[in-house]
């Protein structure tokens, strides 16, 4: 079950990256200062930093506190749902 949860978080992270890039190109700016700096350095930097931070965090949780993977998955689902709302309903 832990592995399926990790895969779900990774898939949600991919959607988050795609949606964030779509939203910041059309509608808004990145509010996270670390990610804003990464985006300013280029899309490749943004994807690399985001993937490294998320995958590193997931690995640590998987090994040491797997029960915390559930709130992370819920948080990502919430973020991606909000991004889809912005894109499809607010014209992002």
C-alpha atoms as a PDB file:
ATOM      1  CA  UNK A   1       0.000   0.000   0.000  1.00  0.00           C
ATOM      2  CA  UNK A   2       2.854   2.382   0.757  1.00  0.00           C
ATOM      3  CA  UNK A   3       4.237   1.947  -2.755  1.00  0.00           C
ATOM      4  CA  UNK A   4       0.878   2.779  -4.369  1.00  0.00           C
ATOM      5  CA  UNK A   5       0.655   5.879  -2.215  1.00  0.00           C
ATOM      6  CA  UNK A   6       4.150   6.971  -3.278  1.00  0.00           C
ATOM      7  CA  UNK A   7       3.260   6.430  -6.943  1.00  0.00           C
ATOM      8  CA  UNK A   8       0.097   8.499  -6.443  1.00  0.00           C
ATOM      9  CA  UNK A   9       2.090  11.347  -4.916  1.00  0.00           C
ATOM     10  CA  UNK A  10       4.607  11.243  -7.771  1.00  0.00           C
ATOM     11  CA  UNK A  11       1.782  11.370 -10.342  1.00  0.00           C
ATOM     12  CA  UNK A  12       0.167  14.276  -8.500  1.00  0.00           C
ATOM     13  CA  UNK A  13       3.566  16.000  -8.431  1.00  0.00           C
ATOM     14  CA  UNK A  14       3.811  15.649 -12.217  1.00  0.00           C
ATOM     15  CA  UNK A  15       0.352  17.213 -12.572  1.00  0.00           C
ATOM     16  CA  UNK A  16       1.424  19.964 -10.176  1.00  0.00           C
ATOM     17  CA  UNK A  17       4.491  20.761 -12.286  1.00  0.00           C
ATOM     18  CA  UNK A  18       2.500  20.845 -15.531  1.00  0.00           C
ATOM     19  CA  UNK A  19      -0.332  22.892 -14.045  1.00  0.00           C
ATOM     20  CA  UNK A  20       2.036  25.334 -12.342  1.00  0.00           C
ATOM     21  CA  UNK A  21       3.887  25.967 -15.583  1.00  0.00           C
ATOM     22  CA  UNK A  22       0.582  26.468 -17.388  1.00  0.00           C
ATOM     23  CA  UNK A  23      -0.767  28.855 -14.758  1.00  0.00           C
ATOM     24  CA  UNK A  24       2.356  30.978 -14.413  1.00  0.00           C
ATOM     25  CA  UNK A  25       2.641  31.368 -18.175  1.00  0.00           C
ATOM     26  CA  UNK A  26      -0.951  32.515 -18.613  1.00  0.00           C
ATOM     27  CA  UNK A  27      -2.370  33.878 -15.386  1.00  0.00           C
ATOM     28  CA  UNK A  28      -0.162  34.375 -12.370  1.00  0.00           C
ATOM     29  CA  UNK A  29       3.278  34.317 -10.778  1.00  0.00           C
ATOM     30  CA  UNK A  30       4.844  31.634  -8.600  1.00  0.00           C
ATOM     31  CA  UNK A  31       4.358  32.601  -4.959  1.00  0.00           C
ATOM     32  CA  UNK A  32       6.924  30.199  -3.493  1.00  0.00           C
ATOM     33  CA  UNK A  33      10.214  32.157  -3.529  1.00  0.00           C
ATOM     34  CA  UNK A  34      12.373  29.048  -3.999  1.00  0.00           C
ATOM     35  CA  UNK A  35      10.311  27.886  -6.973  1.00  0.00           C
ATOM     36  CA  UNK A  36      10.090  31.444  -8.351  1.00  0.00           C
ATOM     37  CA  UNK A  37      13.889  31.590  -8.415  1.00  0.00           C
ATOM     38  CA  UNK A  38      14.040  28.162 -10.072  1.00  0.00           C
ATOM     39  CA  UNK A  39      11.531  29.258 -12.732  1.00  0.00           C
ATOM     40  CA  UNK A  40      13.539  32.426 -13.359  1.00  0.00           C
ATOM     41  CA  UNK A  41      16.521  30.154 -14.035  1.00  0.00           C
ATOM     42  CA  UNK A  42      14.522  28.168 -16.609  1.00  0.00           C
ATOM     43  CA  UNK A  43      11.907  25.471 -16.884  1.00  0.00           C
ATOM     44  CA  UNK A  44      14.499  22.707 -16.594  1.00  0.00           C
ATOM     45  CA  UNK A  45      15.746  24.165 -13.311  1.00  0.00           C
ATOM     46  CA  UNK A  46      12.203  24.435 -12.005  1.00  0.00           C
ATOM     47  CA  UNK A  47      11.404  20.809 -12.830  1.00  0.00           C
ATOM     48  CA  UNK A  48      14.722  19.585 -11.400  1.00  0.00           C
ATOM     49  CA  UNK A  49      14.379  21.511  -8.123  1.00  0.00           C
ATOM     50  CA  UNK A  50      10.724  20.566  -7.636  1.00  0.00           C
ATOM     51  CA  UNK A  51      11.280  16.897  -8.445  1.00  0.00           C
ATOM     52  CA  UNK A  52      14.369  16.693  -6.220  1.00  0.00           C
ATOM     53  CA  UNK A  53      12.649  18.298  -3.244  1.00  0.00           C
ATOM     54  CA  UNK A  54       9.491  16.227  -3.556  1.00  0.00           C
ATOM     55  CA  UNK A  55      11.180  12.905  -4.299  1.00  0.00           C
ATOM     56  CA  UNK A  56      13.658  13.472  -1.469  1.00  0.00           C
ATOM     57  CA  UNK A  57      10.849  14.262   0.942  1.00  0.00           C
ATOM     58  CA  UNK A  58       8.822  11.272  -0.173  1.00  0.00           C
ATOM     59  CA  UNK A  59      11.828   8.983   0.243  1.00  0.00           C
ATOM     60  CA  UNK A  60      12.457  10.232   3.789  1.00  0.00           C
ATOM     61  CA  UNK A  61       8.800   9.791   4.739  1.00  0.00           C
ATOM     62  CA  UNK A  62       8.651   6.359   3.093  1.00  0.00           C
ATOM     63  CA  UNK A  63      11.636   5.154   5.116  1.00  0.00           C
ATOM     64  CA  UNK A  64      11.007   6.834   8.470  1.00  0.00           C
ATOM     65  CA  UNK A  65       7.386   8.025   8.839  1.00  0.00           C
ATOM     66  CA  UNK A  66       5.232   6.305   6.205  1.00  0.00           C
ATOM     67  CA  UNK A  67       2.028   7.261   8.013  1.00  0.00           C
ATOM     68  CA  UNK A  68       2.703  10.871   6.950  1.00  0.00           C
ATOM     69  CA  UNK A  69       2.423   9.913   3.274  1.00  0.00           C
ATOM     70  CA  UNK A  70      -1.377  10.103   3.585  1.00  0.00           C
ATOM     71  CA  UNK A  71      -1.496  13.816   4.523  1.00  0.00           C
ATOM     72  CA  UNK A  72       1.054  14.584   1.798  1.00  0.00           C
ATOM     73  CA  UNK A  73      -1.107  12.805  -0.773  1.00  0.00           C
ATOM     74  CA  UNK A  74      -4.188  14.673   0.443  1.00  0.00           C
ATOM     75  CA  UNK A  75      -2.316  17.986   0.276  1.00  0.00           C
ATOM     76  CA  UNK A  76      -1.162  17.295  -3.267  1.00  0.00           C
ATOM     77  CA  UNK A  77      -4.649  16.241  -4.304  1.00  0.00           C
ATOM     78  CA  UNK A  78      -5.963  19.518  -2.885  1.00  0.00           C
ATOM     79  CA  UNK A  79      -3.307  21.574  -4.672  1.00  0.00           C
ATOM     80  CA  UNK A  80      -3.866  19.869  -8.018  1.00  0.00           C
ATOM     81  CA  UNK A  81      -7.658  20.182  -7.650  1.00  0.00           C
ATOM     82  CA  UNK A  82      -7.292  23.904  -6.976  1.00  0.00           C
ATOM     83  CA  UNK A  83      -5.002  24.261  -9.991  1.00  0.00           C
ATOM     84  CA  UNK A  84      -7.557  22.524 -12.221  1.00  0.00           C
ATOM     85  CA  UNK A  85     -10.178  24.915 -10.852  1.00  0.00           C
ATOM     86  CA  UNK A  86      -7.983  27.874 -11.806  1.00  0.00           C
ATOM     87  CA  UNK A  87      -7.274  26.482 -15.266  1.00  0.00           C
ATOM     88  CA  UNK A  88     -10.776  25.356 -16.235  1.00  0.00           C
ATOM     89  CA  UNK A  89     -13.071  27.740 -14.373  1.00  0.00           C
ATOM     90  CA  UNK A  90     -11.071  30.934 -14.124  1.00  0.00           C
ATOM     91  CA  UNK A  91      -9.646  30.751 -17.611  1.00  0.00           C
ATOM     92  CA  UNK A  92      -6.060  30.036 -16.654  1.00  0.00           C
END
